[in-house]
Structures are given as structure tokens and as C-alpha cells.
Amino acid sequence: MLPSWFQLLTESEVFNALFFVLPAFLSNTTPMLFGGGLPMDFRKNWFDGRRILGNNKTWRGFAAGFISGFLFGIFISWWFTNIVFKNMADPPFIVPLTNGFLQSFGAVTGDAVGSFIKRRLNIPPGGSLIIMDQIGFIIFGLAFARMDTAFPWTYWVIMIPLSLVLHFAANAVGYTMGWKDVWW
């Protein structure tokens, strides 16, 4: 039997939305810790003469982000099935094992797309493109997950603004800890 506070927490739409998208958040954060190495664009330029993605988007970071989110997604699938929806005869949606795969792949892809757009706008690696930097990964993560999981539309409404706040807060912590060169 779960404690009443825990039962209340798992019935919260905001908690469930946040917990559901943790694979995307983890995929977006992990490259900062485990990235480095060969750039994904192999140091090549696009037709406009600018780098395709830049030195900050590396294969090791992409793989670390994808793998961490995917593995955590397996836990999320178990969590929703065995904790959140356990006593429901007809759960509102199913969280398949592929959800973590799709969310994490979407998140790291969204981050790479953001870098591509920033290079086209002549924003240097590490430079800021407000909004895209904060919610690009979550939009791509949710969009990719939507291919396989019919999660509530309210998760979009909850997570997009919450991602703005959480992204700024996480980056401020990363900057304070010396993991990031800029606070955004």
C-alpha cells in the first residue's frame, strides 16, 4: 500500500507530465556532462560557409544523451504501468518501452536542429537563441514520443512553459558549478 501523499502525488497531472518527459530532460542534460570528442558535423561547413552544427554537438554527447534518456525511459514505462496506472481498470494511456527511445532521440535531434538554426543565423556555438534553446528539445521529444504514445495533450501545455523555467534554472546551476561557460 502506497502512502497517501505518494498516491496524491502520482495523481497530479503536473507531476505525471514532468515525470513522463524526464527521458527528454535527461537526454538534453547528459551531453553537457559526457560530451566532447568528434563533432557531429565532422568540422564541415554548410553551403553558406558556416559550420553545420559546430564543435559543441559531438557524437559522444549525442550518444550519451540518447542512451541515458532511453534507459531512463524503460524505468518510466515501468513506473506508469506499475505505480501510476496500477489500480486502474482502463488506464488513460500506455507508456511503451519505445517511449524513452523516441523521446530521447527527439530531444537530442531537437538540440542539434537548434544548433543548425543558430549557425544559419550566425550565432556562435554556446550563443543563445531564446526559446529554441529552452524548448526545442522538449518539442522534438514530445513530437517523437507522440508517434507511439497517446499521452494527454495537457502534457504539452504543462511542459512547454515549465521547460522554459526549468531550463534556465538548470543552466544557472550548471554555470554555478562550472559545467557551463554561460548562464543560459
N, C-alpha and C. Protein backbone atom coordinates (compact mmCIF):
# COMPACT_ATOMS: atom_id res chain seq x y z
N MET A 1 0.84 -1.20 0.00
CA MET A 1 0.00 0.00 0.00
C MET A 1 0.88 1.25 0.00
N LEU A 2 0.59 2.16 -0.91
CA LEU A 2 1.36 3.38 -1.02
C LEU A 2 0.89 4.40 0.02
N PRO A 3 1.82 5.21 0.56
CA PRO A 3 1.39 6.27 1.47
C PRO A 3 0.44 7.24 0.77
N SER A 4 -0.44 7.87 1.52
CA SER A 4 -1.45 8.75 0.90
C SER A 4 -0.82 9.92 0.16
N TRP A 5 0.26 10.48 0.68
CA TRP A 5 0.91 11.59 -0.02
C TRP A 5 1.49 11.14 -1.35
N PHE A 6 1.98 9.91 -1.41
CA PHE A 6 2.53 9.37 -2.64
C PHE A 6 1.42 9.11 -3.64
N GLN A 7 0.30 8.61 -3.17
CA GLN A 7 -0.86 8.38 -4.04
C GLN A 7 -1.34 9.70 -4.63
N LEU A 8 -1.39 10.74 -3.79
CA LEU A 8 -1.81 12.06 -4.24
C LEU A 8 -0.84 12.61 -5.29
N LEU A 9 0.45 12.41 -5.06
CA LEU A 9 1.47 12.88 -5.98
C LEU A 9 1.32 12.22 -7.35
N THR A 10 1.12 10.91 -7.38
CA THR A 10 1.02 10.20 -8.66
C THR A 10 -0.29 10.50 -9.38
N GLU A 11 -1.23 11.12 -8.72
CA GLU A 11 -2.48 11.53 -9.36
C GLU A 11 -2.41 12.96 -9.89
N SER A 12 -1.31 13.65 -9.65
CA SER A 12 -1.13 15.02 -10.10
C SER A 12 -0.76 15.05 -11.58
N GLU A 13 -1.49 15.80 -12.36
CA GLU A 13 -1.23 15.92 -13.80
C GLU A 13 0.14 16.56 -14.05
N VAL A 14 0.50 17.55 -13.24
CA VAL A 14 1.80 18.21 -13.41
C VAL A 14 2.93 17.23 -13.09
N PHE A 15 2.80 16.49 -11.99
CA PHE A 15 3.82 15.50 -11.64
C PHE A 15 3.95 14.45 -12.75
N ASN A 16 2.84 13.93 -13.22
CA ASN A 16 2.89 12.91 -14.26
C ASN A 16 3.47 13.44 -15.57
N ALA A 17 3.13 14.68 -15.92
CA ALA A 17 3.69 15.27 -17.14
C ALA A 17 5.20 15.44 -16.99
N LEU A 18 5.64 15.95 -15.86
CA LEU A 18 7.06 16.13 -15.62
C LEU A 18 7.80 14.80 -15.61
N PHE A 19 7.22 13.83 -14.94
CA PHE A 19 7.86 12.52 -14.86
C PHE A 19 7.89 11.85 -16.23
N PHE A 20 6.83 12.02 -17.00
CA PHE A 20 6.74 11.44 -18.34
C PHE A 20 7.86 11.94 -19.25
N VAL A 21 8.21 13.23 -19.16
CA VAL A 21 9.20 13.80 -20.07
C VAL A 21 10.63 13.75 -19.52
N LEU A 22 10.85 13.09 -18.41
CA LEU A 22 12.21 13.01 -17.87
C LEU A 22 13.21 12.39 -18.85
N PRO A 23 12.84 11.43 -19.69
CA PRO A 23 13.82 10.96 -20.67
C PRO A 23 14.33 12.10 -21.58
N ALA A 24 13.45 12.99 -21.99
CA ALA A 24 13.87 14.11 -22.84
C ALA A 24 14.77 15.06 -22.05
N PHE A 25 14.40 15.36 -20.81
CA PHE A 25 15.24 16.24 -19.98
C PHE A 25 16.62 15.63 -19.74
N LEU A 26 16.64 14.36 -19.42
CA LEU A 26 17.91 13.68 -19.18
C LEU A 26 18.76 13.67 -20.45
N SER A 27 18.13 13.43 -21.58
CA SER A 27 18.84 13.43 -22.86
C SER A 27 19.41 14.80 -23.20
N ASN A 28 18.75 15.84 -22.76
CA ASN A 28 19.21 17.19 -23.02
C ASN A 28 20.34 17.59 -22.09
N THR A 29 20.39 17.01 -20.89
CA THR A 29 21.39 17.38 -19.89
C THR A 29 22.67 16.56 -19.99
N THR A 30 22.54 15.28 -20.27
CA THR A 30 23.68 14.37 -20.25
C THR A 30 24.83 14.78 -21.16
N PRO A 31 24.58 15.28 -22.38
CA PRO A 31 25.72 15.67 -23.23
C PRO A 31 26.63 16.73 -22.59
N MET A 32 26.06 17.58 -21.75
CA MET A 32 26.86 18.59 -21.07
C MET A 32 27.90 17.92 -20.17
N LEU A 33 27.55 16.79 -19.58
CA LEU A 33 28.44 16.10 -18.66
C LEU A 33 29.38 15.12 -19.36
N PHE A 34 28.88 14.45 -20.41
CA PHE A 34 29.65 13.38 -21.04
C PHE A 34 30.02 13.65 -22.49
N GLY A 35 29.77 14.88 -22.96
CA GLY A 35 30.06 15.20 -24.35
C GLY A 35 31.55 15.38 -24.61
N GLY A 36 31.85 15.95 -25.74
CA GLY A 36 33.24 16.12 -26.15
C GLY A 36 33.58 15.15 -27.25
N GLY A 37 34.74 15.34 -27.84
CA GLY A 37 35.17 14.44 -28.90
C GLY A 37 34.85 14.97 -30.28
N LEU A 38 34.63 14.06 -31.20
CA LEU A 38 34.43 14.39 -32.60
C LEU A 38 33.09 15.10 -32.83
N PRO A 39 33.11 16.29 -33.44
CA PRO A 39 31.86 16.99 -33.75
C PRO A 39 31.00 16.19 -34.73
N MET A 40 29.70 16.27 -34.57
CA MET A 40 28.77 15.54 -35.43
C MET A 40 28.87 15.98 -36.89
N ASP A 41 29.27 17.23 -37.12
CA ASP A 41 29.37 17.72 -38.49
C ASP A 41 30.75 17.47 -39.10
N PHE A 42 31.60 16.75 -38.37
CA PHE A 42 32.96 16.43 -38.84
C PHE A 42 33.74 17.69 -39.23
N ARG A 43 33.40 18.80 -38.57
CA ARG A 43 34.03 20.10 -38.80
C ARG A 43 33.83 20.63 -40.23
N LYS A 44 32.72 20.23 -40.84
CA LYS A 44 32.41 20.65 -42.22
C LYS A 44 31.51 21.87 -42.20
N ASN A 45 31.56 22.63 -43.28
CA ASN A 45 30.73 23.81 -43.44
C ASN A 45 29.54 23.50 -44.32
N TRP A 46 28.47 24.28 -44.14
CA TRP A 46 27.27 24.20 -44.95
C TRP A 46 27.49 25.06 -46.20
N PHE A 47 26.51 25.13 -47.07
CA PHE A 47 26.62 25.90 -48.31
C PHE A 47 26.89 27.39 -48.06
N ASP A 48 26.48 27.87 -46.90
CA ASP A 48 26.67 29.28 -46.58
C ASP A 48 28.06 29.58 -46.03
N GLY A 49 28.92 28.58 -45.97
CA GLY A 49 30.29 28.78 -45.49
C GLY A 49 30.44 28.67 -43.98
N ARG A 50 29.32 28.51 -43.26
CA ARG A 50 29.37 28.37 -41.80
C ARG A 50 29.32 26.90 -41.42
N ARG A 51 29.81 26.59 -40.23
CA ARG A 51 29.77 25.22 -39.74
C ARG A 51 28.33 24.71 -39.75
N ILE A 52 28.16 23.42 -39.95
CA ILE A 52 26.82 22.83 -39.98
C ILE A 52 26.21 22.87 -38.59
N LEU A 53 26.92 22.36 -37.59
CA LEU A 53 26.43 22.35 -36.21
C LEU A 53 27.38 23.03 -35.24
N GLY A 54 28.67 22.91 -35.44
CA GLY A 54 29.66 23.49 -34.53
C GLY A 54 30.29 22.44 -33.64
N ASN A 55 31.32 22.84 -32.93
CA ASN A 55 32.08 21.92 -32.08
C ASN A 55 31.32 21.41 -30.87
N ASN A 56 30.27 22.09 -30.45
CA ASN A 56 29.55 21.69 -29.23
C ASN A 56 28.61 20.50 -29.42
N LYS A 57 28.33 20.13 -30.64
CA LYS A 57 27.46 18.97 -30.90
C LYS A 57 28.36 17.81 -31.34
N THR A 58 28.60 16.90 -30.40
CA THR A 58 29.53 15.80 -30.67
C THR A 58 28.79 14.46 -30.68
N TRP A 59 29.43 13.49 -31.33
CA TRP A 59 28.85 12.14 -31.38
C TRP A 59 28.76 11.54 -29.99
N ARG A 60 29.77 11.77 -29.16
CA ARG A 60 29.74 11.22 -27.80
C ARG A 60 28.60 11.84 -26.99
N GLY A 61 28.41 13.15 -27.12
CA GLY A 61 27.31 13.81 -26.43
C GLY A 61 25.96 13.34 -26.91
N PHE A 62 25.81 13.21 -28.24
CA PHE A 62 24.57 12.72 -28.82
C PHE A 62 24.26 11.31 -28.30
N ALA A 63 25.28 10.43 -28.34
CA ALA A 63 25.08 9.05 -27.88
C ALA A 63 24.79 9.00 -26.39
N ALA A 64 25.52 9.78 -25.59
CA ALA A 64 25.29 9.78 -24.14
C ALA A 64 23.88 10.27 -23.82
N GLY A 65 23.44 11.32 -24.50
CA GLY A 65 22.09 11.83 -24.28
C GLY A 65 21.04 10.83 -24.68
N PHE A 66 21.21 10.24 -25.84
CA PHE A 66 20.24 9.26 -26.33
C PHE A 66 20.18 8.04 -25.41
N ILE A 67 21.31 7.47 -25.07
CA ILE A 67 21.34 6.25 -24.25
C ILE A 67 20.79 6.50 -22.85
N SER A 68 21.17 7.61 -22.24
CA SER A 68 20.68 7.88 -20.87
C SER A 68 19.17 8.06 -20.87
N GLY A 69 18.64 8.81 -21.84
CA GLY A 69 17.19 9.00 -21.91
C GLY A 69 16.45 7.72 -22.21
N PHE A 70 17.01 6.91 -23.10
CA PHE A 70 16.39 5.64 -23.46
C PHE A 70 16.34 4.71 -22.25
N LEU A 71 17.43 4.59 -21.53
CA LEU A 71 17.45 3.72 -20.35
C LEU A 71 16.49 4.22 -19.28
N PHE A 72 16.45 5.53 -19.08
CA PHE A 72 15.51 6.06 -18.09
C PHE A 72 14.08 5.89 -18.58
N GLY A 73 13.88 5.92 -19.88
CA GLY A 73 12.55 5.69 -20.44
C GLY A 73 12.01 4.31 -20.13
N ILE A 74 12.89 3.33 -20.01
CA ILE A 74 12.47 1.98 -19.62
C ILE A 74 11.89 2.03 -18.21
N PHE A 75 12.56 2.77 -17.32
CA PHE A 75 12.04 2.94 -15.96
C PHE A 75 10.70 3.68 -15.98
N ILE A 76 10.58 4.71 -16.79
CA ILE A 76 9.33 5.48 -16.88
C ILE A 76 8.18 4.57 -17.32
N SER A 77 8.44 3.72 -18.30
CA SER A 77 7.41 2.78 -18.75
C SER A 77 6.96 1.89 -17.60
N TRP A 78 7.92 1.36 -16.87
CA TRP A 78 7.60 0.52 -15.70
C TRP A 78 6.82 1.33 -14.66
N TRP A 79 7.25 2.55 -14.40
CA TRP A 79 6.62 3.41 -13.39
C TRP A 79 5.14 3.64 -13.69
N PHE A 80 4.85 4.08 -14.91
CA PHE A 80 3.45 4.35 -15.25
C PHE A 80 2.61 3.08 -15.21
N THR A 81 3.17 1.98 -15.68
CA THR A 81 2.43 0.71 -15.71
C THR A 81 2.20 0.16 -14.31
N ASN A 82 3.21 0.18 -13.45
CA ASN A 82 3.14 -0.50 -12.16
C ASN A 82 2.84 0.39 -10.96
N ILE A 83 2.95 1.69 -11.11
CA ILE A 83 2.69 2.60 -9.99
C ILE A 83 1.49 3.51 -10.29
N VAL A 84 1.62 4.31 -11.33
CA VAL A 84 0.59 5.33 -11.61
C VAL A 84 -0.72 4.69 -12.04
N PHE A 85 -0.68 3.73 -12.97
CA PHE A 85 -1.90 3.14 -13.53
C PHE A 85 -2.22 1.77 -12.94
N LYS A 86 -1.52 1.37 -11.89
CA LYS A 86 -1.64 0.00 -11.37
C LYS A 86 -3.08 -0.39 -11.03
N ASN A 87 -3.81 0.45 -10.34
CA ASN A 87 -5.15 0.11 -9.88
C ASN A 87 -6.25 0.57 -10.82
N MET A 88 -5.87 0.98 -12.02
CA MET A 88 -6.87 1.44 -12.98
C MET A 88 -7.27 0.29 -13.91
N ALA A 89 -8.56 0.08 -14.04
CA ALA A 89 -9.04 -0.96 -14.96
C ALA A 89 -8.79 -0.54 -16.41
N ASP A 90 -8.91 0.77 -16.67
CA ASP A 90 -8.71 1.28 -18.02
C ASP A 90 -7.80 2.51 -17.95
N PRO A 91 -6.46 2.31 -18.00
CA PRO A 91 -5.55 3.46 -17.90
C PRO A 91 -5.76 4.44 -19.05
N PRO A 92 -5.53 5.73 -18.80
CA PRO A 92 -5.78 6.74 -19.83
C PRO A 92 -4.86 6.61 -21.04
N PHE A 93 -3.67 6.08 -20.86
CA PHE A 93 -2.77 5.83 -21.97
C PHE A 93 -1.72 4.83 -21.53
N ILE A 94 -1.03 4.25 -22.48
CA ILE A 94 0.01 3.27 -22.23
C ILE A 94 1.36 3.92 -22.53
N VAL A 95 2.36 3.67 -21.70
CA VAL A 95 3.70 4.17 -21.95
C VAL A 95 4.57 2.98 -22.37
N PRO A 96 4.72 2.79 -23.69
CA PRO A 96 5.51 1.64 -24.15
C PRO A 96 7.01 1.85 -23.93
N LEU A 97 7.76 0.78 -24.00
CA LEU A 97 9.22 0.87 -23.84
C LEU A 97 9.84 1.78 -24.90
N THR A 98 9.21 1.87 -26.04
CA THR A 98 9.74 2.71 -27.11
C THR A 98 9.63 4.20 -26.81
N ASN A 99 8.84 4.58 -25.81
CA ASN A 99 8.67 5.98 -25.46
C ASN A 99 10.00 6.64 -25.12
N GLY A 100 10.80 5.99 -24.29
CA GLY A 100 12.10 6.55 -23.92
C GLY A 100 13.02 6.67 -25.11
N PHE A 101 12.98 5.67 -26.00
CA PHE A 101 13.77 5.71 -27.22
C PHE A 101 13.39 6.93 -28.05
N LEU A 102 12.08 7.11 -28.27
CA LEU A 102 11.61 8.21 -29.12
C LEU A 102 11.83 9.57 -28.47
N GLN A 103 11.52 9.69 -27.17
CA GLN A 103 11.73 10.97 -26.50
C GLN A 103 13.19 11.38 -26.51
N SER A 104 14.07 10.45 -26.17
CA SER A 104 15.49 10.81 -26.09
C SER A 104 16.05 11.11 -27.47
N PHE A 105 15.67 10.32 -28.47
CA PHE A 105 16.14 10.60 -29.83
C PHE A 105 15.59 11.95 -30.30
N GLY A 106 14.33 12.23 -29.99
CA GLY A 106 13.74 13.51 -30.35
C GLY A 106 14.44 14.68 -29.66
N ALA A 107 14.76 14.52 -28.39
CA ALA A 107 15.40 15.61 -27.64
C ALA A 107 16.79 15.94 -28.19
N VAL A 108 17.62 14.92 -28.43
CA VAL A 108 18.97 15.21 -28.94
C VAL A 108 18.91 15.70 -30.39
N THR A 109 17.92 15.23 -31.14
CA THR A 109 17.73 15.72 -32.51
C THR A 109 17.29 17.18 -32.48
N GLY A 110 16.35 17.50 -31.59
CA GLY A 110 15.88 18.88 -31.46
C GLY A 110 17.01 19.83 -31.07
N ASP A 111 17.88 19.36 -30.21
CA ASP A 111 19.03 20.18 -29.82
C ASP A 111 19.96 20.41 -31.01
N ALA A 112 20.19 19.37 -31.81
CA ALA A 112 21.03 19.51 -33.00
C ALA A 112 20.38 20.44 -34.02
N VAL A 113 19.06 20.33 -34.19
CA VAL A 113 18.35 21.23 -35.10
C VAL A 113 18.50 22.68 -34.64
N GLY A 114 18.41 22.89 -33.32
CA GLY A 114 18.62 24.23 -32.77
C GLY A 114 20.00 24.76 -33.11
N SER A 115 21.01 23.92 -33.01
CA SER A 115 22.38 24.34 -33.35
C SER A 115 22.49 24.66 -34.84
N PHE A 116 21.85 23.85 -35.66
CA PHE A 116 21.86 24.11 -37.10
C PHE A 116 21.24 25.49 -37.41
N ILE A 117 20.10 25.77 -36.78
CA ILE A 117 19.43 27.06 -36.98
C ILE A 117 20.31 28.20 -36.48
N LYS A 118 20.94 28.02 -35.33
CA LYS A 118 21.81 29.07 -34.78
C LYS A 118 23.00 29.35 -35.70
N ARG A 119 23.57 28.31 -36.30
CA ARG A 119 24.69 28.54 -37.23
C ARG A 119 24.21 29.31 -38.44
N ARG A 120 22.99 29.03 -38.92
CA ARG A 120 22.46 29.76 -40.08
C ARG A 120 22.23 31.22 -39.73
N LEU A 121 21.90 31.48 -38.47
CA LEU A 121 21.66 32.86 -38.02
C LEU A 121 22.95 33.53 -37.56
N ASN A 122 24.07 32.85 -37.76
CA ASN A 122 25.40 33.36 -37.39
C ASN A 122 25.57 33.54 -35.87
N ILE A 123 24.86 32.73 -35.11
CA ILE A 123 25.03 32.73 -33.65
C ILE A 123 26.11 31.71 -33.33
N PRO A 124 27.17 32.10 -32.64
CA PRO A 124 28.28 31.18 -32.40
C PRO A 124 27.90 30.05 -31.44
N PRO A 125 28.64 28.92 -31.48
CA PRO A 125 28.40 27.84 -30.52
C PRO A 125 28.44 28.37 -29.09
N GLY A 126 27.47 27.98 -28.30
CA GLY A 126 27.36 28.50 -26.94
C GLY A 126 26.54 29.77 -26.87
N GLY A 127 26.28 30.40 -28.03
CA GLY A 127 25.45 31.59 -28.08
C GLY A 127 23.99 31.23 -27.86
N SER A 128 23.20 32.22 -27.54
CA SER A 128 21.81 31.96 -27.17
C SER A 128 20.83 32.29 -28.29
N LEU A 129 19.89 31.39 -28.47
CA LEU A 129 18.72 31.63 -29.33
C LEU A 129 17.52 31.40 -28.41
N ILE A 130 17.07 32.47 -27.79
CA ILE A 130 16.00 32.39 -26.80
C ILE A 130 14.81 31.63 -27.39
N ILE A 131 14.18 30.85 -26.58
CA ILE A 131 13.06 29.96 -26.82
C ILE A 131 13.54 28.65 -27.46
N MET A 132 14.26 28.69 -28.57
CA MET A 132 14.72 27.44 -29.20
C MET A 132 15.63 26.68 -28.23
N ASP A 133 16.52 27.39 -27.54
CA ASP A 133 17.42 26.73 -26.59
C ASP A 133 16.66 26.10 -25.43
N GLN A 134 15.58 26.72 -25.02
CA GLN A 134 14.86 26.26 -23.84
C GLN A 134 13.80 25.21 -24.13
N ILE A 135 13.15 25.27 -25.29
CA ILE A 135 12.05 24.33 -25.52
C ILE A 135 12.17 23.50 -26.79
N GLY A 136 13.20 23.71 -27.59
CA GLY A 136 13.36 22.92 -28.80
C GLY A 136 13.45 21.43 -28.50
N PHE A 137 14.23 21.09 -27.48
CA PHE A 137 14.41 19.67 -27.14
C PHE A 137 13.10 19.05 -26.67
N ILE A 138 12.28 19.79 -25.93
CA ILE A 138 11.05 19.21 -25.38
C ILE A 138 9.99 19.09 -26.48
N ILE A 139 9.96 20.05 -27.39
CA ILE A 139 9.00 19.97 -28.50
C ILE A 139 9.33 18.76 -29.38
N PHE A 140 10.60 18.60 -29.72
CA PHE A 140 11.00 17.44 -30.53
C PHE A 140 10.80 16.14 -29.76
N GLY A 141 11.16 16.13 -28.47
CA GLY A 141 10.98 14.93 -27.65
C GLY A 141 9.53 14.49 -27.58
N LEU A 142 8.64 15.44 -27.32
CA LEU A 142 7.21 15.11 -27.26
C LEU A 142 6.66 14.74 -28.63
N ALA A 143 7.10 15.44 -29.67
CA ALA A 143 6.63 15.13 -31.02
C ALA A 143 7.04 13.72 -31.44
N PHE A 144 8.28 13.35 -31.15
CA PHE A 144 8.73 11.99 -31.49
C PHE A 144 7.97 10.97 -30.65
N ALA A 145 7.78 11.25 -29.35
CA ALA A 145 7.06 10.31 -28.48
C ALA A 145 5.61 10.15 -28.93
N ARG A 146 5.05 11.20 -29.46
CA ARG A 146 3.65 11.16 -29.89
C ARG A 146 3.43 10.15 -31.02
N MET A 147 4.49 9.79 -31.73
CA MET A 147 4.36 8.78 -32.79
C MET A 147 3.93 7.43 -32.24
N ASP A 148 4.19 7.22 -30.94
CA ASP A 148 3.96 5.90 -30.36
C ASP A 148 3.11 5.91 -29.09
N THR A 149 2.95 7.08 -28.48
CA THR A 149 2.26 7.16 -27.20
C THR A 149 1.19 8.24 -27.27
N ALA A 150 -0.04 7.88 -26.97
CA ALA A 150 -1.15 8.83 -27.00
C ALA A 150 -1.30 9.50 -25.64
N PHE A 151 -0.24 10.21 -25.20
CA PHE A 151 -0.30 10.89 -23.91
C PHE A 151 -1.23 12.10 -23.99
N PRO A 152 -1.72 12.58 -22.83
CA PRO A 152 -2.68 13.70 -22.83
C PRO A 152 -2.09 14.98 -23.44
N TRP A 153 -2.90 15.73 -24.16
CA TRP A 153 -2.47 17.00 -24.75
C TRP A 153 -2.06 18.00 -23.68
N THR A 154 -2.58 17.81 -22.46
CA THR A 154 -2.23 18.73 -21.37
C THR A 154 -0.73 18.66 -21.04
N TYR A 155 -0.08 17.56 -21.39
CA TYR A 155 1.36 17.46 -21.14
C TYR A 155 2.12 18.51 -21.95
N TRP A 156 1.63 18.81 -23.16
CA TRP A 156 2.24 19.88 -23.95
C TRP A 156 2.07 21.23 -23.25
N VAL A 157 0.84 21.47 -22.79
CA VAL A 157 0.51 22.75 -22.15
C VAL A 157 1.29 22.93 -20.85
N ILE A 158 1.49 21.86 -20.13
CA ILE A 158 2.24 21.92 -18.87
C ILE A 158 3.73 22.04 -19.13
N MET A 159 4.26 21.21 -20.01
CA MET A 159 5.70 21.07 -20.13
C MET A 159 6.40 22.16 -20.92
N ILE A 160 5.75 22.77 -21.88
CA ILE A 160 6.45 23.80 -22.65
C ILE A 160 6.78 25.01 -21.77
N PRO A 161 5.82 25.59 -21.04
CA PRO A 161 6.22 26.71 -20.18
C PRO A 161 7.12 26.27 -19.01
N LEU A 162 6.85 25.09 -18.46
CA LEU A 162 7.68 24.60 -17.36
C LEU A 162 9.11 24.36 -17.83
N SER A 163 9.27 23.92 -19.06
CA SER A 163 10.61 23.70 -19.61
C SER A 163 11.41 24.99 -19.70
N LEU A 164 10.72 26.09 -20.03
CA LEU A 164 11.41 27.39 -20.05
C LEU A 164 12.03 27.69 -18.69
N VAL A 165 11.24 27.54 -17.65
CA VAL A 165 11.70 27.84 -16.29
C VAL A 165 12.78 26.85 -15.86
N LEU A 166 12.52 25.57 -16.04
CA LEU A 166 13.48 24.54 -15.60
C LEU A 166 14.80 24.62 -16.36
N HIS A 167 14.73 24.96 -17.63
CA HIS A 167 15.96 25.05 -18.43
C HIS A 167 16.85 26.18 -17.91
N PHE A 168 16.25 27.35 -17.67
CA PHE A 168 17.03 28.46 -17.12
C PHE A 168 17.61 28.11 -15.75
N ALA A 169 16.81 27.47 -14.90
CA ALA A 169 17.27 27.09 -13.57
C ALA A 169 18.41 26.07 -13.65
N ALA A 170 18.25 25.04 -14.49
CA ALA A 170 19.30 24.02 -14.62
C ALA A 170 20.59 24.62 -15.18
N ASN A 171 20.47 25.51 -16.14
CA ASN A 171 21.66 26.13 -16.70
C ASN A 171 22.34 27.05 -15.69
N ALA A 172 21.56 27.72 -14.87
CA ALA A 172 22.15 28.56 -13.83
C ALA A 172 22.95 27.70 -12.84
N VAL A 173 22.41 26.54 -12.50
CA VAL A 173 23.13 25.61 -11.62
C VAL A 173 24.40 25.11 -12.32
N GLY A 174 24.28 24.72 -13.58
CA GLY A 174 25.44 24.26 -14.34
C GLY A 174 26.52 25.32 -14.44
N TYR A 175 26.13 26.57 -14.62
CA TYR A 175 27.07 27.67 -14.69
C TYR A 175 27.75 27.87 -13.34
N THR A 176 26.96 27.83 -12.27
CA THR A 176 27.49 28.00 -10.92
C THR A 176 28.47 26.89 -10.56
N MET A 177 28.18 25.67 -11.02
CA MET A 177 29.05 24.52 -10.73
C MET A 177 30.29 24.48 -11.63
N GLY A 178 30.32 25.36 -12.63
CA GLY A 178 31.46 25.39 -13.55
C GLY A 178 31.34 24.42 -14.71
N TRP A 179 30.16 23.84 -14.92
CA TRP A 179 29.94 22.90 -16.01
C TRP A 179 29.62 23.60 -17.32
N LYS A 180 29.15 24.85 -17.20
CA LYS A 180 28.79 25.63 -18.39
C LYS A 180 29.53 26.96 -18.35
N ASP A 181 29.83 27.48 -19.54
CA ASP A 181 30.52 28.77 -19.62
C ASP A 181 29.56 29.95 -19.58
N VAL A 182 28.27 29.70 -19.85
CA VAL A 182 27.27 30.78 -19.86
C VAL A 182 26.08 30.36 -18.99
N TRP A 183 25.35 31.32 -18.47
CA TRP A 183 24.24 31.02 -17.54
C TRP A 183 22.97 30.59 -18.26
N TRP A 184 22.88 30.79 -19.57
CA TRP A 184 21.65 30.43 -20.26
C TRP A 184 21.76 29.04 -20.83
